[in-house]
Each structure stands twice: as C-alpha cells, then as structure tokens.
Amino acid sequence: MSGHQPSSTMATPCPPRGIYVPAVAFFNEDETLDFDAIKVHLTRMAKAGVDGLVIQGSNGEAMHLDHAERQEVLRLARTVLQEHGKPGAVIVAGGGAQSTRESIRLCKEAKEAGADYALVLSPSYWVGAMQKPTIYKFFDDVATASPMPILLYNFPGVTSGIDLDSDMIINLAAANPKVVGCKLTCGNMGKLQRVAHDARIGRPFAAFAGKTDFLLHGLVGGSHGVIAAAANMFPKAHVHMLRLYDEGRLKEAQGLQTRFSRADWALVQLGVAGLKAALDKYYGYGAGRSRRPLGFVEGTKFEGDTDAVLRNLVDFENSLPDI
C-alpha cells in the first residue's frame, strides 16, 4: 500500500492503484443471502488477481441489507481472500446512509468485520436540503469519526441527481486527511483529471473511474484504476487492460476498451439483477435474483447481439490465466 503524510504526525494510507470489483450479492428464492454463491464468486475474483473488493456498493445491494447481513458478507470476503493467499488484498465497504450517525455506525461495523476503507455516498432523501455546505459537513463529519479512511462516492443516478463537483472533492481531501479517494461513476472525465492532479490536496489521492465504459480514458487522465460493475464478469480482462496500459501497448488497450464499452452498455441495460443473471448464464453460479422490488431477470434476456457481445469477452476472460 502506498501512503501519504498529512500535516499531523499520523499517516493515512491511500488505497493501492488497480482493479477493484464491486461484488454482487446473491439471493435464494426466499430472498435470504445465498452465501454459497457469494463464496464461489468472491473466490473467482480472488483468483483473478484483482487488487481489491468493494463489498456493499450499489451492485452489492447495500440498501437491501441489514447491518448484520453486511457484516456477514464482509467477514466472508476477508476469509475468502485469506484462504486464497490474498490476506493483504483491500476490502472497501459501503458506508453511505441517510444520516451522519448511521453512516458513522456503518463505517465502524465494517472496520470490525475486516474492511480497510469505506465508500460513502451523499445522503439524498431530503434532496432540497442537501446544499453544498450540508453535503460537505456530512462527508467531513463521517471521515473524522470513521475508524478507517473514506472514499467519496459520486453517483448522481442513485442520489437524486446530487453531483459532487471537483472543487468539493478537492476541498474535502485537502482539509481532511482521512478523505483518501473517490469513485466517479458520473463519468465526468474533466472532473477526474482535475481531482487526480490538483496540487491543493498535497498528497496521493485515489481518484477511481467508476465504470468499465471509461477505464482506459480514466487511466490516460491519471485515474487510480477503476471500481467497475463489469469487473464482476471480466476480472482477469480488467487486470489485463491495466497491464496493457502500463506497458505502453495502447493500440491493444484501445481494442480491448472498445469491447469493454460494448459489453458494459449491454450490462447496464440489464440492471443489477441482469448482471447476476449473466454470471449464472456464462459462469454457472448464482441467479438473476435481487431483493424486491428489483425482482428477477431471466436468462432469455441474453440473445442476439447481447449474447454475442458478452460471449466475446467471456471467451477472452476464460483464455486468461488465474493470478
């Protein structure tokens, strides 16, 4: 892990650069957690050589889990990483909530269950009251009280349109050494570029792209890697992309990015349950089931162009060795 030295004598670690998988959660027919399928999936991710797991992000259906369930999945993730010789792999836990108090509690519980960092969304239920000073204070208070560093999670699609601008991200990071990174699912490449290189932060800051759709673009702009839903489907291919970029093989990277962008678009249209249905169809575990009201996605959704686009990358994924 890399680190930085803030103005105090205590160093706050920055998460390592790389590929992070926001792991999906699987459910049985009665909507209880399917721990067998979750373990199979996390094992596959560990063998793929990813740099970290995000547990209870949007794709992990954090908003559908109670506190005890969140901790159970986190403990399982840490156990799987240890069993497969990856005890130092990073675990980031979802820590966002509608109140500062609950968000801090989630961060504390996640730390106890084995997480290293928290990924925190802006509260958004009372969107009219969420003016910039209120949002700033929320993140600053959570970061200060959390027992582990936090990453700001910017995803306007699930926060009633609240979109953290680069000034807020930079100001929070500059003022609070426990704000060590961000995930930008907004897709704003100018914002990523500004945040990744702003001298006001004065220390390493992990600005992650938030979708496979712009993985290569983010790397060129100085991102710290990616936290991407499609990495659930193609973890080894994502690791391969980072290697291509680091080795300067940009033509090959551009070709892979084109395939990634097509596959990511297909998966986005299928939703969270559809991503799990794809894992069932192409890798043989889990099912396309989310807790209601999201419901169930049938395997018949994967036909024609969707099947061709996804199968193209599945075949490539399966051709790559475990790490």
Protein backbone atom coordinates (compact mmCIF):
# COMPACT_ATOMS: atom_id res chain seq x y z
CA MET A 1 0.00 0.00 0.00
CA SER A 2 1.17 3.47 -0.77
CA GLY A 3 0.78 6.21 1.82
CA HIS A 4 0.94 9.93 2.41
CA GLN A 5 1.92 12.17 5.28
CA PRO A 6 -0.69 14.78 6.20
CA SER A 7 0.04 17.79 8.33
CA SER A 8 -0.34 15.77 11.53
CA THR A 9 2.15 13.10 12.56
CA MET A 10 -0.24 10.29 11.65
CA ALA A 11 -0.07 8.91 8.11
CA THR A 12 -3.35 7.96 6.44
CA PRO A 13 -2.97 5.26 3.80
CA CYS A 14 -4.10 5.74 0.23
CA PRO A 15 -5.58 2.58 -1.34
CA PRO A 16 -3.32 0.92 -3.90
CA ARG A 17 -3.84 1.63 -7.57
CA GLY A 18 -5.58 -1.09 -9.51
CA ILE A 19 -8.74 -3.01 -10.36
CA TYR A 20 -11.50 -3.18 -7.74
CA VAL A 21 -14.62 -5.31 -8.08
CA PRO A 22 -17.88 -4.02 -6.55
CA ALA A 23 -19.02 -7.55 -5.80
CA VAL A 24 -22.65 -8.50 -6.36
CA ALA A 25 -24.76 -10.15 -3.65
CA PHE A 26 -26.67 -13.33 -4.48
CA PHE A 27 -30.03 -14.31 -3.01
CA ASN A 28 -32.02 -17.52 -2.62
CA GLU A 29 -35.63 -17.81 -3.75
CA ASP A 30 -36.80 -16.70 -0.29
CA GLU A 31 -34.55 -13.62 -0.61
CA THR A 32 -32.11 -14.76 2.08
CA LEU A 33 -28.45 -14.32 1.19
CA ASP A 34 -27.02 -17.16 -0.89
CA PHE A 35 -23.68 -17.48 0.87
CA ASP A 36 -22.60 -20.46 -1.25
CA ALA A 37 -22.90 -18.46 -4.48
CA ILE A 38 -21.31 -15.40 -2.86
CA LYS A 39 -18.31 -17.51 -1.82
CA VAL A 40 -17.95 -19.00 -5.30
CA HIS A 41 -18.00 -15.52 -6.79
CA LEU A 42 -15.54 -14.00 -4.33
CA THR A 43 -13.21 -16.96 -4.87
CA ARG A 44 -13.27 -16.36 -8.60
CA MET A 45 -12.45 -12.68 -8.02
CA ALA A 46 -9.55 -13.55 -5.70
CA LYS A 47 -8.05 -15.93 -8.26
CA ALA A 48 -8.34 -13.29 -10.99
CA GLY A 49 -5.72 -11.10 -9.35
CA VAL A 50 -7.82 -8.02 -8.70
CA ASP A 51 -6.40 -5.50 -6.25
CA GLY A 52 -9.46 -5.18 -4.07
CA LEU A 53 -13.11 -5.89 -3.44
CA VAL A 54 -15.87 -3.39 -2.80
CA ILE A 55 -18.49 -5.02 -0.60
CA GLN A 56 -21.94 -3.43 -0.25
CA GLY A 57 -21.62 -0.96 -3.07
CA SER A 58 -24.55 -0.35 -5.41
CA ASN A 59 -24.12 -3.74 -7.09
CA GLY A 60 -23.84 -5.41 -3.69
CA GLU A 61 -27.35 -4.10 -2.96
CA ALA A 62 -26.24 -2.42 0.26
CA MET A 63 -29.57 -0.65 0.56
CA HIS A 64 -31.32 -4.05 0.69
CA LEU A 65 -29.19 -5.49 3.51
CA ASP A 66 -29.48 -5.00 7.25
CA HIS A 67 -26.44 -4.28 9.41
CA ALA A 68 -25.86 -7.90 10.46
CA GLU A 69 -26.03 -9.13 6.85
CA ARG A 70 -23.50 -6.53 5.78
CA GLN A 71 -21.06 -7.75 8.41
CA GLU A 72 -21.57 -11.40 7.47
CA VAL A 73 -20.68 -10.75 3.83
CA LEU A 74 -17.66 -8.66 4.81
CA ARG A 75 -16.32 -11.41 7.08
CA LEU A 76 -16.84 -13.96 4.32
CA ALA A 77 -14.93 -11.78 1.87
CA ARG A 78 -11.97 -11.46 4.23
CA THR A 79 -11.99 -15.22 4.84
CA VAL A 80 -12.01 -16.00 1.11
CA LEU A 81 -9.07 -13.66 0.48
CA GLN A 82 -7.10 -15.28 3.29
CA GLU A 83 -7.90 -18.79 2.05
CA HIS A 84 -6.54 -17.93 -1.39
CA GLY A 85 -3.31 -16.34 -0.24
CA LYS A 86 -4.51 -12.75 -0.61
CA PRO A 87 -4.70 -11.59 3.04
CA GLY A 88 -3.41 -8.15 2.09
CA ALA A 89 -5.97 -7.51 -0.65
CA VAL A 90 -8.03 -4.42 0.04
CA ILE A 91 -11.67 -4.51 1.11
CA VAL A 92 -13.73 -1.36 0.69
CA ALA A 93 -17.14 -1.37 2.39
CA GLY A 94 -20.18 0.69 1.52
CA GLY A 95 -20.69 3.23 4.30
CA GLY A 96 -23.27 5.63 2.97
CA ALA A 97 -26.55 6.30 4.77
CA GLN A 98 -29.20 8.99 5.02
CA SER A 99 -27.94 10.25 8.38
CA THR A 100 -24.43 11.11 9.52
CA ARG A 101 -24.98 9.00 12.63
CA GLU A 102 -25.83 5.81 10.72
CA SER A 103 -23.06 6.32 8.19
CA ILE A 104 -20.52 6.53 11.02
CA ARG A 105 -22.02 3.40 12.57
CA LEU A 106 -21.74 1.52 9.27
CA CYS A 107 -18.09 2.53 8.97
CA LYS A 108 -17.36 1.30 12.50
CA GLU A 109 -19.14 -2.01 11.94
CA ALA A 110 -17.38 -2.52 8.60
CA LYS A 111 -13.99 -1.96 10.20
CA GLU A 112 -14.82 -4.56 12.86
CA ALA A 113 -15.79 -7.02 10.10
CA GLY A 114 -12.49 -6.66 8.23
CA ALA A 115 -12.82 -3.68 5.88
CA ASP A 116 -9.94 -1.30 5.16
CA TYR A 117 -11.80 1.66 3.65
CA ALA A 118 -15.36 2.94 3.42
CA LEU A 119 -17.06 4.13 0.23
CA VAL A 120 -19.58 6.81 1.16
CA LEU A 121 -22.48 8.16 -0.93
CA SER A 122 -24.07 11.53 -0.30
CA PRO A 123 -27.40 11.44 1.56
CA SER A 124 -30.20 12.40 -0.80
CA TYR A 125 -33.64 11.66 0.66
CA TRP A 126 -34.23 15.35 1.50
CA VAL A 127 -32.55 16.46 -1.67
CA GLY A 128 -33.76 20.05 -1.34
CA ALA A 129 -31.89 20.39 1.95
CA MET A 130 -28.69 18.89 0.59
CA GLN A 131 -26.95 22.14 -0.29
CA LYS A 132 -23.18 22.18 -0.71
CA PRO A 133 -22.31 23.21 2.88
CA THR A 134 -24.54 20.43 4.25
CA ILE A 135 -23.02 17.80 1.97
CA TYR A 136 -19.50 18.99 2.76
CA LYS A 137 -20.14 18.76 6.51
CA PHE A 138 -21.67 15.28 6.13
CA PHE A 139 -18.56 13.89 4.45
CA ASP A 140 -16.19 15.75 6.77
CA ASP A 141 -18.00 14.52 9.89
CA VAL A 142 -18.15 10.92 8.66
CA ALA A 143 -14.48 10.90 7.68
CA THR A 144 -13.43 12.37 11.02
CA ALA A 145 -15.43 9.86 13.09
CA SER A 146 -14.80 6.79 10.92
CA PRO A 147 -12.16 4.36 12.22
CA MET A 148 -10.87 3.95 8.67
CA PRO A 149 -10.28 6.29 5.72
CA ILE A 150 -13.12 7.01 3.32
CA LEU A 151 -13.60 7.37 -0.42
CA LEU A 152 -16.23 9.79 -1.69
CA TYR A 153 -18.76 8.06 -3.95
CA ASN A 154 -20.26 10.26 -6.67
CA PHE A 155 -23.18 8.56 -8.42
CA PRO A 156 -25.89 11.11 -9.33
CA GLY A 157 -28.11 8.34 -10.71
CA VAL A 158 -28.79 6.99 -7.20
CA THR A 159 -28.59 10.23 -5.19
CA SER A 160 -31.49 12.20 -6.69
CA GLY A 161 -29.11 13.95 -9.07
CA ILE A 162 -26.65 15.20 -6.42
CA ASP A 163 -23.35 15.53 -8.27
CA LEU A 164 -20.19 16.32 -6.30
CA ASP A 165 -18.11 18.83 -8.24
CA SER A 166 -14.33 18.77 -8.39
CA ASP A 167 -13.99 21.75 -6.03
CA MET A 168 -15.90 19.98 -3.26
CA ILE A 169 -13.90 16.78 -3.68
CA ILE A 170 -10.60 18.65 -3.72
CA ASN A 171 -11.53 20.85 -0.75
CA LEU A 172 -12.62 17.87 1.34
CA ALA A 173 -9.44 15.95 0.53
CA ALA A 174 -7.24 18.97 1.21
CA ALA A 175 -8.88 19.64 4.58
CA ASN A 176 -9.36 16.11 5.91
CA PRO A 177 -6.52 13.57 5.59
CA LYS A 178 -8.98 10.70 6.07
CA VAL A 179 -10.63 11.52 2.72
CA VAL A 180 -8.22 9.48 0.61
CA GLY A 181 -10.03 8.94 -2.68
CA CYS A 182 -13.21 8.98 -4.71
CA LYS A 183 -15.21 6.85 -7.09
CA LEU A 184 -16.58 8.84 -10.03
CA THR A 185 -19.49 6.94 -11.56
CA CYS A 186 -20.67 10.24 -13.03
CA GLY A 187 -18.33 9.66 -15.98
CA ASN A 188 -17.06 13.24 -15.99
CA MET A 189 -13.52 12.88 -17.33
CA GLY A 190 -12.66 16.54 -16.82
CA LYS A 191 -13.57 16.17 -13.15
CA LEU A 192 -11.41 13.06 -12.83
CA GLN A 193 -8.49 14.86 -14.48
CA ARG A 194 -8.79 17.83 -12.11
CA VAL A 195 -9.14 15.74 -8.97
CA ALA A 196 -6.27 13.41 -9.87
CA HIS A 197 -3.78 16.23 -10.38
CA ASP A 198 -4.76 19.12 -8.09
CA ALA A 199 -1.82 20.38 -6.03
CA ARG A 200 -4.10 21.62 -3.23
CA ILE A 201 -4.54 18.06 -1.99
CA GLY A 202 -0.80 17.83 -1.49
CA ARG A 203 -0.60 14.04 -1.18
CA PRO A 204 -1.51 10.90 -3.12
CA PHE A 205 -5.26 10.79 -3.78
CA ALA A 206 -7.05 7.77 -5.26
CA ALA A 207 -9.39 9.05 -7.98
CA PHE A 208 -11.08 5.94 -9.36
CA ALA A 209 -13.09 5.72 -12.56
CA GLY A 210 -16.50 4.31 -11.72
CA LYS A 211 -17.31 2.30 -14.85
CA THR A 212 -15.59 -0.02 -17.29
CA ASP A 213 -17.04 2.20 -20.01
CA PHE A 214 -14.20 4.68 -19.50
CA LEU A 215 -11.48 2.55 -17.89
CA LEU A 216 -8.79 3.38 -20.46
CA HIS A 217 -9.85 7.03 -20.68
CA GLY A 218 -9.51 7.28 -16.92
CA LEU A 219 -6.03 5.76 -16.90
CA VAL A 220 -4.88 8.25 -19.52
CA GLY A 221 -6.29 11.05 -17.36
CA GLY A 222 -4.44 9.86 -14.27
CA SER A 223 -7.01 7.70 -12.50
CA HIS A 224 -6.00 5.33 -9.71
CA GLY A 225 -7.71 2.46 -11.52
CA VAL A 226 -11.36 1.50 -11.64
CA ILE A 227 -14.20 0.29 -9.44
CA ALA A 228 -16.45 -1.23 -12.08
CA ALA A 229 -19.52 -3.47 -12.10
CA ALA A 230 -18.41 -5.26 -15.28
CA ALA A 231 -15.32 -6.48 -13.44
CA ASN A 232 -17.68 -8.99 -11.81
CA MET A 233 -17.97 -10.56 -15.27
CA PHE A 234 -14.46 -9.98 -16.61
CA PRO A 235 -11.99 -9.51 -13.72
CA LYS A 236 -8.96 -11.00 -15.47
CA ALA A 237 -9.64 -8.94 -18.59
CA HIS A 238 -9.68 -5.79 -16.45
CA VAL A 239 -6.35 -6.74 -14.87
CA HIS A 240 -5.04 -7.38 -18.40
CA MET A 241 -6.18 -3.91 -19.51
CA LEU A 242 -4.21 -2.27 -16.71
CA ARG A 243 -1.15 -4.27 -17.73
CA LEU A 244 -1.52 -3.23 -21.39
CA TYR A 245 -1.70 0.42 -20.38
CA ASP A 246 1.26 0.21 -18.01
CA GLU A 247 3.35 -1.50 -20.69
CA GLY A 248 2.50 1.20 -23.24
CA ARG A 249 0.57 -1.18 -25.51
CA LEU A 250 -2.07 1.43 -26.26
CA LYS A 251 -3.30 0.03 -29.58
CA GLU A 252 -4.16 -3.27 -27.90
CA ALA A 253 -5.67 -1.38 -24.98
CA GLN A 254 -7.89 0.63 -27.34
CA GLY A 255 -9.15 -2.55 -28.95
CA LEU A 256 -9.99 -4.09 -25.58
CA GLN A 257 -11.65 -0.86 -24.44
CA THR A 258 -13.97 -0.98 -27.46
CA ARG A 259 -15.05 -4.48 -26.46
CA PHE A 260 -15.42 -3.36 -22.84
CA SER A 261 -17.60 -0.39 -23.77
CA ARG A 262 -19.96 -2.56 -25.81
CA ALA A 263 -20.25 -5.16 -23.04
CA ASP A 264 -20.70 -2.54 -20.32
CA TRP A 265 -23.56 -0.94 -22.23
CA ALA A 266 -25.25 -4.32 -22.62
CA LEU A 267 -24.95 -4.98 -18.88
CA VAL A 268 -26.13 -1.51 -17.87
CA GLN A 269 -29.37 -2.05 -19.77
CA LEU A 270 -29.97 -5.30 -17.86
CA GLY A 271 -29.52 -3.75 -14.40
CA VAL A 272 -28.18 -5.25 -11.18
CA ALA A 273 -30.26 -8.43 -11.39
CA GLY A 274 -29.28 -8.77 -15.05
CA LEU A 275 -25.59 -8.72 -14.16
CA LYS A 276 -26.21 -11.65 -11.81
CA ALA A 277 -28.24 -13.43 -14.48
CA ALA A 278 -25.25 -13.03 -16.81
CA LEU A 279 -22.94 -14.58 -14.21
CA ASP A 280 -25.33 -17.52 -13.95
CA LYS A 281 -25.58 -17.95 -17.72
CA TYR A 282 -21.90 -17.61 -18.60
CA TYR A 283 -20.16 -18.87 -15.46
CA GLY A 284 -22.72 -21.21 -13.94
CA TYR A 285 -23.35 -19.87 -10.44
CA GLY A 286 -25.86 -17.64 -8.68
CA ALA A 287 -29.11 -16.49 -10.25
CA GLY A 288 -30.54 -13.29 -11.68
CA ARG A 289 -32.36 -12.50 -8.46
CA SER A 290 -32.39 -9.32 -6.39
CA ARG A 291 -34.45 -8.47 -3.38
CA ARG A 292 -37.78 -6.98 -4.32
CA PRO A 293 -38.75 -4.65 -5.83
CA LEU A 294 -35.86 -5.22 -8.27
CA GLY A 295 -37.01 -8.77 -8.92
CA PHE A 296 -35.66 -11.42 -11.29
CA VAL A 297 -34.07 -11.37 -14.75
CA GLU A 298 -34.49 -14.44 -16.97
CA GLY A 299 -31.63 -15.96 -18.95
CA THR A 300 -33.66 -15.41 -22.11
CA LYS A 301 -32.58 -11.75 -21.99
CA PHE A 302 -29.22 -12.86 -23.40
CA GLU A 303 -29.94 -13.33 -27.06
CA GLY A 304 -28.73 -11.94 -30.37
CA ASP A 305 -26.32 -9.01 -30.15
CA THR A 306 -26.28 -9.01 -26.34
CA ASP A 307 -25.16 -12.62 -26.25
CA ALA A 308 -22.56 -12.06 -28.98
CA VAL A 309 -21.04 -9.01 -27.25
CA LEU A 310 -20.87 -10.66 -23.84
CA ARG A 311 -19.71 -14.05 -25.09
CA ASN A 312 -16.86 -12.40 -26.98
CA LEU A 313 -15.40 -11.12 -23.71
CA VAL A 314 -16.32 -14.24 -21.72
CA ASP A 315 -14.22 -16.29 -24.14
CA PHE A 316 -11.34 -13.84 -23.74
CA GLU A 317 -11.71 -13.90 -19.95
CA ASN A 318 -11.60 -17.69 -19.90
CA SER A 319 -8.44 -17.69 -22.03
CA LEU A 320 -6.51 -15.70 -19.41
CA PRO A 321 -4.69 -17.45 -16.55
CA ASP A 322 -5.51 -17.08 -12.88
CA ILE A 323 -3.04 -14.98 -10.92
